[in-house]
Amino acid sequence: MIARLVSFFTGWKAKLLALSAILAALGAVLARVYLLGKAATQQAAERTAIKAMRRRKEVDDEVSAMDHSDLDEHFSKYMRDRE
């Protein structure tokens, strides 16, 4: 039985089988690299979002600590004066 199977995969059939195995391995490697890149991109986006949330919290705390006159003074530089 094994001899019959081995004799079946000789010549061009053996080359085709080897090529198929190589292409399957290459496809598996490319899929793995793609998934790793996708995960790395997602992690970078999450880190950026966390930094933005921390900065937002710092600004909110800073504004909460100010009294009304300090807020007016601080935000007056962003307001346009209509003349």
Protein backbone atom coordinates (compact mmCIF):
# COMPACT_ATOMS: atom_id res chain seq x y z
CA MET A 1 0.00 0.00 0.00
CA ILE A 2 2.75 2.46 0.98
CA ALA A 3 4.80 1.42 -2.03
CA ARG A 4 1.81 2.06 -4.28
CA LEU A 5 1.32 5.50 -2.70
CA VAL A 6 5.02 6.36 -3.11
CA SER A 7 5.02 5.17 -6.70
CA PHE A 8 1.97 7.35 -7.38
CA PHE A 9 3.88 10.47 -6.31
CA THR A 10 6.82 10.26 -8.68
CA GLY A 11 7.87 12.60 -11.44
CA TRP A 12 5.65 15.60 -12.07
CA LYS A 13 3.18 14.60 -9.35
CA ALA A 14 5.93 14.72 -6.72
CA LYS A 15 7.03 18.13 -7.93
CA LEU A 16 3.45 19.37 -7.87
CA LEU A 17 2.98 18.02 -4.33
CA ALA A 18 6.22 19.68 -3.16
CA LEU A 19 5.24 22.97 -4.79
CA SER A 20 1.81 22.81 -3.15
CA ALA A 21 3.40 22.24 0.25
CA ILE A 22 5.77 25.16 -0.25
CA LEU A 23 2.93 27.47 -1.34
CA ALA A 24 0.81 26.40 1.63
CA ALA A 25 3.70 27.14 4.02
CA LEU A 26 4.30 30.50 2.37
CA GLY A 27 0.60 31.35 2.63
CA ALA A 28 0.63 30.46 6.33
CA VAL A 29 3.66 32.69 6.93
CA LEU A 30 2.08 35.61 5.05
CA ALA A 31 -1.17 35.22 6.98
CA ARG A 32 0.73 35.23 10.27
CA VAL A 33 2.69 38.36 9.31
CA TYR A 34 -0.53 40.10 8.26
CA LEU A 35 -2.24 39.26 11.54
CA LEU A 36 0.78 40.41 13.57
CA GLY A 37 0.85 43.71 11.69
CA LYS A 38 -2.86 44.21 12.23
CA ALA A 39 -2.48 43.54 15.97
CA ALA A 40 0.46 45.96 16.21
CA THR A 41 -1.54 48.68 14.47
CA GLN A 42 -4.47 48.13 16.80
CA GLN A 43 -2.20 48.31 19.86
CA ALA A 44 -0.66 51.56 18.62
CA ALA A 45 -4.12 53.06 18.12
CA GLU A 46 -5.12 51.99 21.64
CA ARG A 47 -1.97 53.57 23.11
CA THR A 48 -2.73 56.82 21.27
CA ALA A 49 -6.30 56.79 22.54
CA ILE A 50 -5.12 56.21 26.12
CA LYS A 51 -2.69 59.14 25.85
CA ALA A 52 -5.48 61.35 24.55
CA MET A 53 -7.77 60.29 27.42
CA ARG A 54 -5.07 61.05 29.98
CA ARG A 55 -4.40 64.46 28.46
CA ARG A 56 -8.13 65.20 28.40
CA LYS A 57 -8.37 64.25 32.09
CA GLU A 58 -5.45 66.55 32.94
CA VAL A 59 -7.06 69.46 31.11
CA ASP A 60 -10.45 68.80 32.72
CA ASP A 61 -8.84 68.71 36.18
CA GLU A 62 -6.94 71.92 35.47
CA VAL A 63 -10.09 73.69 34.33
CA SER A 64 -12.07 72.37 37.30
CA ALA A 65 -9.48 73.81 39.67
CA MET A 66 -9.82 77.33 38.20
CA ASP A 67 -12.29 79.86 39.53
CA HIS A 68 -14.49 81.96 37.27
CA SER A 69 -12.11 84.90 36.86
CA ASP A 70 -9.20 82.61 35.99
CA LEU A 71 -11.34 80.87 33.37
CA ASP A 72 -12.32 84.19 31.82
CA GLU A 73 -8.71 85.31 31.71
CA HIS A 74 -7.46 82.00 30.32
CA PHE A 75 -10.06 81.65 27.58
CA SER A 76 -10.10 85.31 26.57
CA LYS A 77 -7.13 84.72 24.29
CA TYR A 78 -9.25 82.30 22.23
CA MET A 79 -12.17 84.66 21.79
CA ARG A 80 -12.47 87.05 18.88
CA ASP A 81 -13.34 90.61 19.75
CA ARG A 82 -15.91 92.11 17.42
CA GLU A 83 -15.26 95.74 16.73
